[in-house]
Amino acid sequence: MKKVAVSIHAIDEFNPDIIKGLDGLDYIHVDVADGKFTSVRHLNLDVFRILHENYNIPIIAHMMVTDPSNYIDSIIDYVHIFTFHYEIKGDKKALINELKNRKKKVGLAIDPDTKIAEITPYLDLVDLVLVMSVYPGGSGQKFIPHSIEKVNQLAILKKKYAFIVDIDGGINLLNANQLNADILSSTSTILNAKDPNRVIDLLKHSDL
């Protein structure tokens, strides 16, 4: 059975009730954007504390930022997995080591144009690989089909390494059945549904 994360943005006007009453969630996936790595800016880091205080659900921080190290101290106590992008500049292995030293799990996110072969040197260092099936930014984008093959490649590689596979962007009840991922992260499919708990259950039980 797959796990499901609801994706939300670290917006200024954040209301924790947006996910109130959602049953069966395995993770809360929080998108942070600095307006530089992406065209959008969502930098309300208080969202992590608020979620931590209101829900007993592990939080995945998805840092769509140019320098993730600038944000570690502000959110480290509230997150379960700190995920940053492979496409950033700087010493990624040093960042991974810093997070590991602080007893946090580490995720590595990849944009749609990044090939799996590029991240192979990091697969023995991280706990999660996040496949972006849309371009980083706002929600509501269409799913990029070649993401399915990337997930399939990772499903083979994870047998050698100790990471799990997450996918985020345009996930719905149709493409979920094609995705050999451990975690399905979704915003609109869950939050816009008439019966979001039914949708969460269907995502969990989506089979290949």
N, C-alpha and C. Protein backbone atom coordinates (compact mmCIF):
# COMPACT_ATOMS: atom_id res chain seq x y z
N MET A 1 0.85 -1.20 0.00
CA MET A 1 0.00 0.00 0.00
C MET A 1 0.88 1.25 0.00
N LYS A 2 0.50 2.20 -0.82
CA LYS A 2 1.26 3.45 -0.90
C LYS A 2 0.93 4.36 0.28
N LYS A 3 1.82 5.29 0.52
CA LYS A 3 1.57 6.32 1.52
C LYS A 3 1.17 7.61 0.82
N VAL A 4 0.45 8.46 1.53
CA VAL A 4 -0.08 9.68 0.93
C VAL A 4 0.32 10.89 1.76
N ALA A 5 0.75 11.92 1.05
CA ALA A 5 1.05 13.21 1.67
C ALA A 5 0.15 14.27 1.05
N VAL A 6 -0.37 15.15 1.89
CA VAL A 6 -1.08 16.30 1.36
C VAL A 6 -0.06 17.43 1.23
N SER A 7 -0.02 18.06 0.06
CA SER A 7 0.94 19.13 -0.20
C SER A 7 0.27 20.49 0.05
N ILE A 8 0.95 21.31 0.83
CA ILE A 8 0.46 22.65 1.09
C ILE A 8 1.61 23.64 0.95
N HIS A 9 1.28 24.90 0.78
CA HIS A 9 2.29 25.93 0.60
C HIS A 9 2.48 26.73 1.88
N ALA A 10 3.70 27.17 2.10
CA ALA A 10 4.03 27.98 3.28
C ALA A 10 3.64 29.43 3.02
N ILE A 11 2.32 29.65 2.90
CA ILE A 11 1.81 30.98 2.55
C ILE A 11 1.61 31.83 3.80
N ASP A 12 1.59 33.13 3.61
CA ASP A 12 1.46 34.06 4.74
C ASP A 12 0.14 33.89 5.46
N GLU A 13 -0.94 33.69 4.72
CA GLU A 13 -2.27 33.60 5.32
C GLU A 13 -2.64 32.15 5.65
N PHE A 14 -1.67 31.38 6.07
CA PHE A 14 -1.88 29.95 6.32
C PHE A 14 -2.88 29.70 7.44
N ASN A 15 -3.79 28.76 7.18
CA ASN A 15 -4.78 28.34 8.17
C ASN A 15 -4.65 26.82 8.34
N PRO A 16 -4.27 26.35 9.53
CA PRO A 16 -4.06 24.91 9.72
C PRO A 16 -5.32 24.08 9.53
N ASP A 17 -6.49 24.73 9.57
CA ASP A 17 -7.74 24.00 9.39
C ASP A 17 -7.91 23.47 7.97
N ILE A 18 -7.04 23.89 7.06
CA ILE A 18 -7.13 23.44 5.67
C ILE A 18 -7.05 21.93 5.57
N ILE A 19 -6.38 21.29 6.53
CA ILE A 19 -6.27 19.83 6.49
C ILE A 19 -7.00 19.17 7.66
N LYS A 20 -7.79 19.95 8.37
CA LYS A 20 -8.54 19.40 9.50
C LYS A 20 -9.54 18.36 9.01
N GLY A 21 -9.60 17.23 9.68
CA GLY A 21 -10.55 16.19 9.32
C GLY A 21 -10.08 15.22 8.27
N LEU A 22 -8.86 15.42 7.76
CA LEU A 22 -8.32 14.48 6.78
C LEU A 22 -7.77 13.27 7.52
N ASP A 23 -8.32 12.12 7.22
CA ASP A 23 -7.91 10.89 7.88
C ASP A 23 -6.94 10.11 6.99
N GLY A 24 -6.04 9.40 7.62
CA GLY A 24 -5.18 8.50 6.87
C GLY A 24 -3.96 9.13 6.23
N LEU A 25 -3.73 10.40 6.50
CA LEU A 25 -2.53 11.03 5.94
C LEU A 25 -1.29 10.45 6.59
N ASP A 26 -0.28 10.15 5.77
CA ASP A 26 0.99 9.65 6.29
C ASP A 26 1.98 10.78 6.51
N TYR A 27 1.88 11.82 5.69
CA TYR A 27 2.78 12.96 5.78
C TYR A 27 2.05 14.25 5.42
N ILE A 28 2.57 15.35 5.92
CA ILE A 28 2.22 16.68 5.42
C ILE A 28 3.45 17.20 4.68
N HIS A 29 3.25 17.53 3.42
CA HIS A 29 4.33 17.99 2.53
C HIS A 29 4.21 19.50 2.41
N VAL A 30 5.21 20.22 2.91
CA VAL A 30 5.14 21.69 2.91
C VAL A 30 6.12 22.26 1.91
N ASP A 31 5.59 22.99 0.94
CA ASP A 31 6.41 23.65 -0.08
C ASP A 31 6.86 25.02 0.40
N VAL A 32 8.17 25.21 0.42
CA VAL A 32 8.77 26.52 0.73
C VAL A 32 9.45 27.02 -0.54
N ALA A 33 9.15 28.25 -0.94
CA ALA A 33 9.72 28.80 -2.17
C ALA A 33 10.23 30.21 -1.90
N ASP A 34 11.46 30.49 -2.38
CA ASP A 34 12.09 31.78 -2.06
C ASP A 34 11.92 32.83 -3.15
N GLY A 35 11.20 32.50 -4.23
CA GLY A 35 11.02 33.46 -5.31
C GLY A 35 12.24 33.60 -6.20
N LYS A 36 13.27 32.81 -5.93
CA LYS A 36 14.49 32.82 -6.74
C LYS A 36 14.66 31.48 -7.45
N PHE A 37 14.56 30.41 -6.68
CA PHE A 37 14.62 29.08 -7.28
C PHE A 37 13.39 28.84 -8.15
N THR A 38 12.26 29.41 -7.73
CA THR A 38 11.03 29.34 -8.51
C THR A 38 10.49 30.76 -8.68
N SER A 39 9.43 30.88 -9.47
CA SER A 39 8.83 32.20 -9.71
C SER A 39 7.89 32.60 -8.59
N VAL A 40 7.54 31.68 -7.72
CA VAL A 40 6.62 31.98 -6.62
C VAL A 40 7.40 32.11 -5.31
N ARG A 41 6.78 32.77 -4.34
CA ARG A 41 7.43 32.99 -3.05
C ARG A 41 6.48 32.61 -1.93
N HIS A 42 6.83 31.57 -1.21
CA HIS A 42 6.07 31.12 -0.05
C HIS A 42 7.07 30.89 1.08
N LEU A 43 7.22 31.87 1.97
CA LEU A 43 8.29 31.81 2.96
C LEU A 43 7.80 31.99 4.40
N ASN A 44 6.58 31.57 4.67
CA ASN A 44 6.07 31.64 6.03
C ASN A 44 6.52 30.39 6.79
N LEU A 45 7.68 30.47 7.41
CA LEU A 45 8.24 29.31 8.08
C LEU A 45 7.49 28.96 9.36
N ASP A 46 6.64 29.84 9.86
CA ASP A 46 5.81 29.54 11.02
C ASP A 46 4.85 28.38 10.75
N VAL A 47 4.62 28.11 9.46
CA VAL A 47 3.73 27.01 9.09
C VAL A 47 4.20 25.69 9.72
N PHE A 48 5.50 25.49 9.78
CA PHE A 48 6.03 24.24 10.33
C PHE A 48 5.70 24.10 11.81
N ARG A 49 5.90 25.16 12.55
CA ARG A 49 5.60 25.13 13.99
C ARG A 49 4.10 24.92 14.22
N ILE A 50 3.29 25.62 13.44
CA ILE A 50 1.84 25.53 13.60
C ILE A 50 1.35 24.11 13.32
N LEU A 51 1.86 23.51 12.24
CA LEU A 51 1.47 22.15 11.91
C LEU A 51 1.93 21.16 12.97
N HIS A 52 3.14 21.36 13.44
CA HIS A 52 3.70 20.48 14.47
C HIS A 52 2.87 20.53 15.76
N GLU A 53 2.37 21.70 16.08
CA GLU A 53 1.59 21.88 17.30
C GLU A 53 0.15 21.37 17.16
N ASN A 54 -0.35 21.34 15.93
CA ASN A 54 -1.75 20.98 15.72
C ASN A 54 -2.00 19.56 15.24
N TYR A 55 -0.98 18.93 14.66
CA TYR A 55 -1.16 17.60 14.09
C TYR A 55 0.01 16.69 14.45
N ASN A 56 -0.29 15.45 14.71
CA ASN A 56 0.74 14.46 14.99
C ASN A 56 1.03 13.67 13.72
N ILE A 57 1.45 14.39 12.69
CA ILE A 57 1.72 13.80 11.37
C ILE A 57 3.11 14.25 10.94
N PRO A 58 3.98 13.33 10.50
CA PRO A 58 5.32 13.71 10.07
C PRO A 58 5.29 14.74 8.93
N ILE A 59 6.21 15.68 9.00
CA ILE A 59 6.26 16.76 8.02
C ILE A 59 7.47 16.60 7.10
N ILE A 60 7.21 16.68 5.80
CA ILE A 60 8.28 16.72 4.81
C ILE A 60 8.43 18.17 4.36
N ALA A 61 9.60 18.74 4.59
CA ALA A 61 9.88 20.10 4.12
C ALA A 61 10.45 20.02 2.72
N HIS A 62 9.77 20.60 1.76
CA HIS A 62 10.24 20.63 0.37
C HIS A 62 10.77 22.03 0.10
N MET A 63 12.08 22.15 0.14
CA MET A 63 12.72 23.46 0.08
C MET A 63 13.08 23.84 -1.36
N MET A 64 12.20 24.59 -2.00
CA MET A 64 12.45 25.09 -3.35
C MET A 64 13.15 26.44 -3.24
N VAL A 65 14.38 26.38 -2.76
CA VAL A 65 15.14 27.58 -2.44
C VAL A 65 16.58 27.44 -2.94
N THR A 66 17.24 28.56 -3.16
CA THR A 66 18.59 28.51 -3.70
C THR A 66 19.64 28.10 -2.66
N ASP A 67 19.39 28.40 -1.39
CA ASP A 67 20.34 28.04 -0.34
C ASP A 67 19.59 27.45 0.86
N PRO A 68 19.34 26.15 0.84
CA PRO A 68 18.56 25.52 1.91
C PRO A 68 19.18 25.67 3.29
N SER A 69 20.49 25.79 3.38
CA SER A 69 21.15 25.88 4.68
C SER A 69 20.69 27.10 5.47
N ASN A 70 20.19 28.12 4.78
CA ASN A 70 19.72 29.33 5.46
C ASN A 70 18.44 29.09 6.28
N TYR A 71 17.78 27.97 6.02
CA TYR A 71 16.48 27.74 6.63
C TYR A 71 16.48 26.61 7.65
N ILE A 72 17.60 25.92 7.79
CA ILE A 72 17.64 24.75 8.66
C ILE A 72 17.27 25.10 10.10
N ASP A 73 17.92 26.10 10.67
CA ASP A 73 17.69 26.42 12.08
C ASP A 73 16.24 26.77 12.38
N SER A 74 15.56 27.39 11.43
CA SER A 74 14.19 27.86 11.67
C SER A 74 13.17 26.73 11.73
N ILE A 75 13.44 25.62 11.04
CA ILE A 75 12.40 24.58 10.93
C ILE A 75 12.85 23.20 11.39
N ILE A 76 14.11 23.02 11.72
CA ILE A 76 14.67 21.69 11.96
C ILE A 76 13.93 20.92 13.05
N ASP A 77 13.44 21.62 14.05
CA ASP A 77 12.77 20.94 15.17
C ASP A 77 11.39 20.41 14.81
N TYR A 78 10.86 20.83 13.67
CA TYR A 78 9.48 20.50 13.34
C TYR A 78 9.34 19.53 12.16
N VAL A 79 10.44 19.23 11.49
CA VAL A 79 10.34 18.42 10.27
C VAL A 79 10.88 17.01 10.49
N HIS A 80 10.32 16.10 9.74
CA HIS A 80 10.75 14.70 9.76
C HIS A 80 11.78 14.45 8.66
N ILE A 81 11.50 15.00 7.48
CA ILE A 81 12.42 14.88 6.34
C ILE A 81 12.66 16.26 5.75
N PHE A 82 13.91 16.65 5.65
CA PHE A 82 14.29 17.93 5.07
C PHE A 82 14.74 17.66 3.63
N THR A 83 13.96 18.13 2.67
CA THR A 83 14.20 17.84 1.26
C THR A 83 14.63 19.10 0.52
N PHE A 84 15.76 19.00 -0.18
CA PHE A 84 16.23 20.12 -0.99
C PHE A 84 16.48 19.65 -2.42
N HIS A 85 16.69 20.60 -3.32
CA HIS A 85 16.80 20.27 -4.73
C HIS A 85 18.23 19.98 -5.17
N TYR A 86 18.36 18.96 -5.97
CA TYR A 86 19.65 18.61 -6.58
C TYR A 86 20.20 19.78 -7.40
N GLU A 87 19.32 20.58 -7.98
CA GLU A 87 19.73 21.62 -8.92
C GLU A 87 20.34 22.85 -8.25
N ILE A 88 20.39 22.90 -6.94
CA ILE A 88 21.01 24.05 -6.29
C ILE A 88 22.52 24.04 -6.50
N LYS A 89 23.13 25.21 -6.33
CA LYS A 89 24.58 25.29 -6.35
C LYS A 89 25.10 25.04 -4.94
N GLY A 90 26.38 24.77 -4.83
CA GLY A 90 26.95 24.56 -3.51
C GLY A 90 27.23 23.09 -3.24
N ASP A 91 27.75 22.82 -2.07
CA ASP A 91 28.19 21.48 -1.68
C ASP A 91 27.02 20.69 -1.11
N LYS A 92 26.42 19.87 -1.95
CA LYS A 92 25.23 19.11 -1.53
C LYS A 92 25.58 18.04 -0.50
N LYS A 93 26.74 17.44 -0.62
CA LYS A 93 27.13 16.40 0.34
C LYS A 93 27.36 17.01 1.72
N ALA A 94 27.90 18.21 1.76
CA ALA A 94 28.10 18.89 3.05
C ALA A 94 26.75 19.20 3.70
N LEU A 95 25.78 19.59 2.90
CA LEU A 95 24.44 19.88 3.41
C LEU A 95 23.80 18.61 3.95
N ILE A 96 23.94 17.52 3.22
CA ILE A 96 23.41 16.23 3.68
C ILE A 96 24.04 15.85 5.01
N ASN A 97 25.35 16.00 5.10
CA ASN A 97 26.05 15.64 6.35
C ASN A 97 25.59 16.50 7.52
N GLU A 98 25.36 17.79 7.26
CA GLU A 98 24.90 18.67 8.33
C GLU A 98 23.54 18.21 8.86
N LEU A 99 22.65 17.87 7.95
CA LEU A 99 21.32 17.42 8.36
C LEU A 99 21.39 16.08 9.09
N LYS A 100 22.24 15.18 8.61
CA LYS A 100 22.39 13.89 9.27
C LYS A 100 22.97 14.07 10.68
N ASN A 101 23.90 14.98 10.81
CA ASN A 101 24.49 15.25 12.12
C ASN A 101 23.47 15.80 13.10
N ARG A 102 22.43 16.43 12.55
CA ARG A 102 21.36 16.97 13.39
C ARG A 102 20.19 15.99 13.51
N LYS A 103 20.48 14.75 13.15
CA LYS A 103 19.54 13.63 13.35
C LYS A 103 18.25 13.77 12.53
N LYS A 104 18.39 14.32 11.32
CA LYS A 104 17.24 14.45 10.45
C LYS A 104 17.39 13.58 9.21
N LYS A 105 16.27 13.09 8.72
CA LYS A 105 16.28 12.39 7.44
C LYS A 105 16.39 13.42 6.32
N VAL A 106 16.99 13.00 5.21
CA VAL A 106 17.28 13.92 4.12
C VAL A 106 16.63 13.44 2.83
N GLY A 107 15.98 14.37 2.15
CA GLY A 107 15.41 14.08 0.84
C GLY A 107 16.09 14.90 -0.24
N LEU A 108 16.18 14.32 -1.43
CA LEU A 108 16.74 15.02 -2.58
C LEU A 108 15.68 15.10 -3.66
N ALA A 109 15.29 16.31 -4.02
CA ALA A 109 14.27 16.52 -5.05
C ALA A 109 14.93 16.77 -6.40
N ILE A 110 14.26 16.31 -7.46
CA ILE A 110 14.79 16.53 -8.81
C ILE A 110 13.71 17.12 -9.71
N ASP A 111 14.11 18.12 -10.48
CA ASP A 111 13.22 18.76 -11.44
C ASP A 111 12.92 17.81 -12.60
N PRO A 112 11.87 18.09 -13.39
CA PRO A 112 11.52 17.23 -14.52
C PRO A 112 12.64 17.02 -15.54
N ASP A 113 13.53 17.99 -15.68
CA ASP A 113 14.59 17.87 -16.68
C ASP A 113 15.85 17.17 -16.17
N THR A 114 15.89 16.85 -14.89
CA THR A 114 17.06 16.20 -14.31
C THR A 114 16.94 14.69 -14.47
N LYS A 115 17.99 14.07 -14.98
CA LYS A 115 17.99 12.63 -15.20
C LYS A 115 18.42 11.88 -13.95
N ILE A 116 17.91 10.69 -13.78
CA ILE A 116 18.23 9.88 -12.62
C ILE A 116 19.73 9.62 -12.51
N ALA A 117 20.40 9.45 -13.65
CA ALA A 117 21.84 9.18 -13.63
C ALA A 117 22.62 10.30 -12.94
N GLU A 118 22.10 11.51 -12.98
CA GLU A 118 22.81 12.65 -12.38
C GLU A 118 22.85 12.56 -10.86
N ILE A 119 21.87 11.92 -10.27
CA ILE A 119 21.82 11.89 -8.80
C ILE A 119 22.36 10.60 -8.20
N THR A 120 22.82 9.69 -9.06
CA THR A 120 23.32 8.40 -8.56
C THR A 120 24.36 8.53 -7.46
N PRO A 121 25.31 9.49 -7.53
CA PRO A 121 26.32 9.60 -6.46
C PRO A 121 25.74 9.92 -5.08
N TYR A 122 24.48 10.32 -5.03
CA TYR A 122 23.87 10.73 -3.76
C TYR A 122 22.90 9.69 -3.19
N LEU A 123 22.63 8.65 -3.95
CA LEU A 123 21.59 7.72 -3.56
C LEU A 123 21.91 6.92 -2.30
N ASP A 124 23.19 6.76 -2.01
CA ASP A 124 23.55 6.05 -0.78
C ASP A 124 23.59 6.98 0.43
N LEU A 125 23.29 8.27 0.21
CA LEU A 125 23.39 9.26 1.28
C LEU A 125 22.04 9.77 1.76
N VAL A 126 21.01 9.61 0.92
CA VAL A 126 19.71 10.22 1.24
C VAL A 126 18.69 9.17 1.64
N ASP A 127 17.63 9.64 2.28
CA ASP A 127 16.55 8.77 2.75
C ASP A 127 15.35 8.76 1.81
N LEU A 128 15.27 9.80 0.98
CA LEU A 128 14.11 9.96 0.10
C LEU A 128 14.54 10.66 -1.19
N VAL A 129 13.97 10.25 -2.30
CA VAL A 129 14.12 10.98 -3.56
C VAL A 129 12.74 11.45 -3.99
N LEU A 130 12.62 12.75 -4.19
CA LEU A 130 11.35 13.36 -4.60
C LEU A 130 11.40 13.68 -6.08
N VAL A 131 10.59 12.99 -6.86
CA VAL A 131 10.47 13.24 -8.29
C VAL A 131 9.43 14.32 -8.50
N MET A 132 9.86 15.43 -9.09
CA MET A 132 8.90 16.48 -9.43
C MET A 132 8.28 16.14 -10.79
N SER A 133 6.98 15.91 -10.78
CA SER A 133 6.27 15.57 -12.02
C SER A 133 5.59 16.79 -12.63
N VAL A 134 5.93 17.96 -12.08
CA VAL A 134 5.64 19.26 -12.69
C VAL A 134 6.86 20.13 -12.40
N TYR A 135 6.93 21.29 -13.02
CA TYR A 135 8.04 22.19 -12.73
C TYR A 135 7.77 22.90 -11.40
N PRO A 136 8.80 23.04 -10.57
CA PRO A 136 8.61 23.66 -9.25
C PRO A 136 7.93 25.01 -9.35
N GLY A 137 6.95 25.23 -8.49
CA GLY A 137 6.21 26.49 -8.50
C GLY A 137 4.81 26.27 -7.98
N GLY A 138 3.83 26.80 -8.67
CA GLY A 138 2.46 26.74 -8.21
C GLY A 138 1.81 25.39 -8.44
N SER A 139 0.71 25.14 -7.72
CA SER A 139 -0.03 23.90 -7.88
C SER A 139 -0.99 24.01 -9.06
N GLY A 140 -1.55 22.86 -9.46
CA GLY A 140 -2.52 22.85 -10.55
C GLY A 140 -1.92 22.58 -11.92
N GLN A 141 -0.60 22.34 -12.00
CA GLN A 141 0.02 22.04 -13.28
C GLN A 141 -0.30 20.62 -13.72
N LYS A 142 -0.17 20.37 -15.02
CA LYS A 142 -0.43 19.04 -15.55
C LYS A 142 0.75 18.11 -15.31
N PHE A 143 0.44 16.87 -15.03
CA PHE A 143 1.43 15.83 -14.79
C PHE A 143 2.28 15.61 -16.04
N ILE A 144 3.60 15.51 -15.86
CA ILE A 144 4.53 15.27 -16.96
C ILE A 144 4.74 13.76 -17.10
N PRO A 145 4.32 13.16 -18.22
CA PRO A 145 4.28 11.70 -18.35
C PRO A 145 5.62 10.99 -18.16
N HIS A 146 6.74 11.61 -18.58
CA HIS A 146 8.01 10.88 -18.45
C HIS A 146 8.43 10.68 -17.00
N SER A 147 7.69 11.29 -16.08
CA SER A 147 7.96 11.08 -14.66
C SER A 147 7.73 9.61 -14.27
N ILE A 148 6.85 8.94 -14.99
CA ILE A 148 6.56 7.54 -14.69
C ILE A 148 7.82 6.70 -14.85
N GLU A 149 8.56 6.92 -15.92
CA GLU A 149 9.79 6.16 -16.16
C GLU A 149 10.85 6.48 -15.11
N LYS A 150 10.91 7.73 -14.68
CA LYS A 150 11.89 8.09 -13.64
C LYS A 150 11.58 7.36 -12.33
N VAL A 151 10.31 7.29 -11.99
CA VAL A 151 9.92 6.56 -10.78
C VAL A 151 10.27 5.08 -10.92
N ASN A 152 10.05 4.52 -12.11
CA ASN A 152 10.39 3.12 -12.34
C ASN A 152 11.89 2.87 -12.19
N GLN A 153 12.68 3.78 -12.69
CA GLN A 153 14.14 3.65 -12.53
C GLN A 153 14.53 3.66 -11.06
N LEU A 154 13.94 4.57 -10.32
CA LEU A 154 14.25 4.67 -8.89
C LEU A 154 13.77 3.44 -8.12
N ALA A 155 12.64 2.88 -8.55
CA ALA A 155 12.12 1.68 -7.89
C ALA A 155 13.10 0.52 -7.99
N ILE A 156 13.85 0.47 -9.07
CA ILE A 156 14.89 -0.55 -9.24
C ILE A 156 16.11 -0.22 -8.39
N LEU A 157 16.53 1.05 -8.43
CA LEU A 157 17.74 1.47 -7.71
C LEU A 157 17.57 1.39 -6.20
N LYS A 158 16.36 1.59 -5.70
CA LYS A 158 16.18 1.61 -4.25
C LYS A 158 16.39 0.22 -3.63
N LYS A 159 16.39 -0.81 -4.46
CA LYS A 159 16.68 -2.15 -3.97
C LYS A 159 18.14 -2.27 -3.53
N LYS A 160 18.99 -1.43 -4.12
CA LYS A 160 20.41 -1.41 -3.78
C LYS A 160 20.70 -0.44 -2.65
N TYR A 161 19.92 0.63 -2.59
CA TYR A 161 20.13 1.67 -1.60
C TYR A 161 18.98 1.69 -0.59
N ALA A 162 19.01 2.63 0.32
CA ALA A 162 18.01 2.64 1.41
C ALA A 162 17.16 3.89 1.38
N PHE A 163 16.67 4.27 0.21
CA PHE A 163 15.81 5.44 0.11
C PHE A 163 14.40 5.03 -0.29
N ILE A 164 13.45 5.95 -0.08
CA ILE A 164 12.09 5.76 -0.56
C ILE A 164 11.81 6.79 -1.65
N VAL A 165 10.79 6.52 -2.45
CA VAL A 165 10.48 7.36 -3.61
C VAL A 165 9.18 8.12 -3.37
N ASP A 166 9.25 9.41 -3.52
CA ASP A 166 8.10 10.31 -3.41
C ASP A 166 7.89 10.96 -4.77
N ILE A 167 6.67 11.28 -5.11
CA ILE A 167 6.40 12.01 -6.35
C ILE A 167 5.37 13.09 -6.07
N ASP A 168 5.59 14.26 -6.68
CA ASP A 168 4.77 15.42 -6.38
C ASP A 168 4.50 16.21 -7.65
N GLY A 169 3.22 16.49 -7.90
CA GLY A 169 2.86 17.35 -9.02
C GLY A 169 1.88 16.71 -9.97
N GLY A 170 0.65 17.18 -9.95
CA GLY A 170 -0.35 16.67 -10.89
C GLY A 170 -0.81 15.25 -10.60
N ILE A 171 -0.61 14.79 -9.37
CA ILE A 171 -1.02 13.43 -9.03
C ILE A 171 -2.54 13.36 -8.90
N ASN A 172 -3.14 12.36 -9.56
CA ASN A 172 -4.59 12.18 -9.47
C ASN A 172 -4.93 10.70 -9.45
N LEU A 173 -6.21 10.38 -9.42
CA LEU A 173 -6.63 8.99 -9.29
C LEU A 173 -6.37 8.17 -10.55
N LEU A 174 -6.11 8.83 -11.66
CA LEU A 174 -5.80 8.12 -12.90
C LEU A 174 -4.32 7.75 -12.98
N ASN A 175 -3.44 8.72 -12.80
CA ASN A 175 -2.01 8.40 -12.94
C ASN A 175 -1.43 7.70 -11.73
N ALA A 176 -2.12 7.76 -10.58
CA ALA A 176 -1.60 7.09 -9.39
C ALA A 176 -1.39 5.60 -9.63
N ASN A 177 -2.23 5.00 -10.45
CA ASN A 177 -2.13 3.58 -10.73
C ASN A 177 -0.89 3.22 -11.55
N GLN A 178 -0.26 4.22 -12.16
CA GLN A 178 0.91 3.97 -12.99
C GLN A 178 2.22 4.25 -12.25
N LEU A 179 2.11 4.67 -11.00
CA LEU A 179 3.29 5.15 -10.28
C LEU A 179 3.76 4.17 -9.22
N ASN A 180 4.95 3.63 -9.42
CA ASN A 180 5.55 2.69 -8.48
C ASN A 180 6.34 3.46 -7.43
N ALA A 181 5.62 4.34 -6.72
CA ALA A 181 6.25 5.20 -5.72
C ALA A 181 5.81 4.77 -4.32
N ASP A 182 6.61 5.15 -3.33
CA ASP A 182 6.26 4.86 -1.94
C ASP A 182 5.28 5.90 -1.39
N ILE A 183 5.46 7.16 -1.84
CA ILE A 183 4.62 8.26 -1.36
C ILE A 183 4.04 9.01 -2.55
N LEU A 184 2.76 9.27 -2.50
CA LEU A 184 2.10 10.14 -3.48
C LEU A 184 1.76 11.44 -2.78
N SER A 185 2.29 12.55 -3.29
CA SER A 185 2.03 13.86 -2.71
C SER A 185 1.08 14.63 -3.61
N SER A 186 0.00 15.14 -3.03
CA SER A 186 -1.02 15.79 -3.84
C SER A 186 -1.64 16.97 -3.10
N THR A 187 -1.96 18.00 -3.87
CA THR A 187 -2.66 19.16 -3.32
C THR A 187 -4.12 19.14 -3.75
N SER A 188 -4.37 19.52 -4.98
CA SER A 188 -5.74 19.76 -5.43
C SER A 188 -6.59 18.50 -5.49
N THR A 189 -5.99 17.37 -5.84
CA THR A 189 -6.77 16.13 -5.92
C THR A 189 -7.40 15.80 -4.57
N ILE A 190 -6.68 16.10 -3.50
CA ILE A 190 -7.21 15.85 -2.15
C ILE A 190 -8.07 17.01 -1.67
N LEU A 191 -7.49 18.21 -1.68
CA LEU A 191 -8.15 19.35 -1.04
C LEU A 191 -9.39 19.84 -1.78
N ASN A 192 -9.46 19.59 -3.09
CA ASN A 192 -10.62 20.03 -3.86
C ASN A 192 -11.69 18.96 -4.02
N ALA A 193 -11.45 17.80 -3.42
CA ALA A 193 -12.40 16.70 -3.57
C ALA A 193 -13.62 16.90 -2.68
N LYS A 194 -14.76 16.38 -3.14
CA LYS A 194 -15.98 16.42 -2.32
C LYS A 194 -15.82 15.51 -1.10
N ASP A 195 -15.09 14.41 -1.30
CA ASP A 195 -14.85 13.46 -0.21
C ASP A 195 -13.35 13.20 -0.15
N PRO A 196 -12.58 14.11 0.45
CA PRO A 196 -11.12 13.97 0.44
C PRO A 196 -10.62 12.70 1.12
N ASN A 197 -11.33 12.23 2.14
CA ASN A 197 -10.87 11.01 2.81
C ASN A 197 -11.02 9.78 1.91
N ARG A 198 -12.05 9.78 1.08
CA ARG A 198 -12.21 8.71 0.09
C ARG A 198 -11.07 8.76 -0.92
N VAL A 199 -10.71 9.96 -1.35
CA VAL A 199 -9.60 10.12 -2.30
C VAL A 199 -8.29 9.63 -1.69
N ILE A 200 -8.04 9.99 -0.45
CA ILE A 200 -6.82 9.54 0.22
C ILE A 200 -6.77 8.01 0.24
N ASP A 201 -7.89 7.39 0.56
CA ASP A 201 -7.94 5.93 0.60
C ASP A 201 -7.70 5.33 -0.78
N LEU A 202 -8.28 5.92 -1.82
CA LEU A 202 -8.07 5.41 -3.17
C LEU A 202 -6.62 5.57 -3.63
N LEU A 203 -6.00 6.67 -3.27
CA LEU A 203 -4.58 6.87 -3.59
C LEU A 203 -3.73 5.82 -2.90
N LYS A 204 -4.03 5.56 -1.65
CA LYS A 204 -3.26 4.57 -0.89
C LYS A 204 -3.33 3.18 -1.53
N HIS A 205 -4.49 2.86 -2.08
CA HIS A 205 -4.71 1.53 -2.62
C HIS A 205 -4.58 1.48 -4.15
N SER A 206 -4.03 2.52 -4.74
CA SER A 206 -3.82 2.51 -6.19
C SER A 206 -2.73 1.48 -6.52
N ASP A 207 -3.04 0.62 -7.45
CA ASP A 207 -2.12 -0.47 -7.81
C ASP A 207 -1.61 -0.30 -9.23
N LEU A 208 -0.43 -0.89 -9.45
CA LEU A 208 0.13 -0.88 -10.80
C LEU A 208 -0.57 -1.93 -11.65
